[in-house]
């Protein structure tokens, strides 16, 4: 299967962590970098969908509570976006 081979290559060549970094931490106010950020987000989605090895890597990178929350079907609180922005600000600061 071509998709599975591409997913394996993204992991073995180190492309997945590079694009994860770009997707999460590229500034959205720089219009030259917005397409690169969007491309990285799309590639991450393609490389991680249905790939247990990639999912395992993401489980080691991100806190287990966040992974469990993303897997849940619960609706977030209306103030969750503000709280998440504060957490991200503290982490990258």
Protein backbone atom coordinates (compact mmCIF):
# COMPACT_ATOMS: atom_id res chain seq x y z
CA UNK A 1 0.00 0.00 0.00
CA UNK A 2 1.47 3.35 -1.08
CA UNK A 3 -0.05 5.37 1.77
CA UNK A 4 1.43 3.08 4.44
CA UNK A 5 4.82 3.25 2.73
CA UNK A 6 4.69 7.06 2.71
CA UNK A 7 3.73 7.05 6.40
CA UNK A 8 6.68 4.79 7.21
CA UNK A 9 9.03 7.02 5.21
CA UNK A 10 7.80 10.14 7.02
CA UNK A 11 8.81 8.51 10.29
CA UNK A 12 12.09 6.93 9.19
CA UNK A 13 13.34 10.07 7.41
CA UNK A 14 12.42 12.37 10.30
CA UNK A 15 9.91 14.40 8.29
CA UNK A 16 7.08 13.96 10.78
CA UNK A 17 8.77 15.74 13.73
CA UNK A 18 9.94 18.57 11.46
CA UNK A 19 6.44 19.17 10.12
CA UNK A 20 4.95 18.81 13.60
CA UNK A 21 7.22 21.62 14.77
CA UNK A 22 6.27 23.79 11.78
CA UNK A 23 2.55 23.09 12.16
CA UNK A 24 2.50 23.98 15.84
CA UNK A 25 4.95 26.84 16.16
CA UNK A 26 5.01 28.76 12.86
CA UNK A 27 3.69 32.26 13.44
CA UNK A 28 0.38 32.82 11.66
CA UNK A 29 0.98 36.55 11.35
CA UNK A 30 3.83 36.04 8.84
CA UNK A 31 1.96 35.70 5.53
CA UNK A 32 4.97 34.14 3.82
CA UNK A 33 4.94 31.19 6.23
CA UNK A 34 1.18 30.54 6.45
CA UNK A 35 1.15 28.24 3.37
CA UNK A 36 4.05 26.24 4.82
CA UNK A 37 2.21 25.91 8.14
CA UNK A 38 -0.96 24.77 6.34
CA UNK A 39 1.01 22.25 4.25
CA UNK A 40 2.65 20.84 7.37
CA UNK A 41 -0.76 20.45 9.04
CA UNK A 42 -2.13 18.60 6.02
CA UNK A 43 0.90 16.31 5.79
CA UNK A 44 0.62 15.47 9.47
CA UNK A 45 -2.99 14.49 8.98
CA UNK A 46 -2.12 12.26 6.03
CA UNK A 47 0.85 10.66 7.73
CA UNK A 48 -0.89 9.94 11.03
CA UNK A 49 -4.31 8.71 9.90
CA UNK A 50 -4.62 5.00 10.61
CA UNK A 51 -0.90 4.52 11.34
CA UNK A 52 -0.32 2.96 14.77
CA UNK A 53 3.42 3.72 14.84
CA UNK A 54 2.81 7.42 14.27
CA UNK A 55 0.06 7.38 16.88
CA UNK A 56 2.50 5.78 19.32
CA UNK A 57 5.05 8.53 18.62
CA UNK A 58 2.45 11.24 19.18
CA UNK A 59 1.48 9.56 22.46
CA UNK A 60 5.12 9.86 23.57
CA UNK A 61 5.36 13.51 22.49
CA UNK A 62 2.10 14.87 23.91
CA UNK A 63 0.72 14.46 27.44
CA UNK A 64 -1.55 11.44 27.83
CA UNK A 65 -4.33 13.65 29.20
CA UNK A 66 -4.36 15.66 25.99
CA UNK A 67 -4.45 12.52 23.85
CA UNK A 68 -7.31 11.11 25.94
CA UNK A 69 -9.18 14.40 25.65
CA UNK A 70 -8.77 14.48 21.87
CA UNK A 71 -10.04 10.89 21.64
CA UNK A 72 -13.11 11.63 23.76
CA UNK A 73 -16.48 12.67 22.40
CA UNK A 74 -17.09 15.25 25.13
CA UNK A 75 -17.87 18.81 24.13
CA UNK A 76 -15.31 21.33 25.41
CA UNK A 77 -16.26 24.17 27.73
CA UNK A 78 -16.90 27.47 25.97
CA UNK A 79 -13.84 28.97 27.71
CA UNK A 80 -11.56 26.08 26.72
CA UNK A 81 -9.95 28.04 23.87
CA UNK A 82 -8.84 30.79 26.24
CA UNK A 83 -7.42 28.26 28.69
CA UNK A 84 -5.58 26.40 25.93
CA UNK A 85 -4.09 29.63 24.58
CA UNK A 86 -2.78 30.47 28.06
CA UNK A 87 -1.22 27.02 28.42
CA UNK A 88 0.45 27.23 25.01
CA UNK A 89 1.73 30.73 25.79
CA UNK A 90 3.34 29.51 29.02
CA UNK A 91 4.90 26.47 27.31
CA UNK A 92 6.50 28.33 24.41
CA UNK A 93 7.57 31.31 26.46
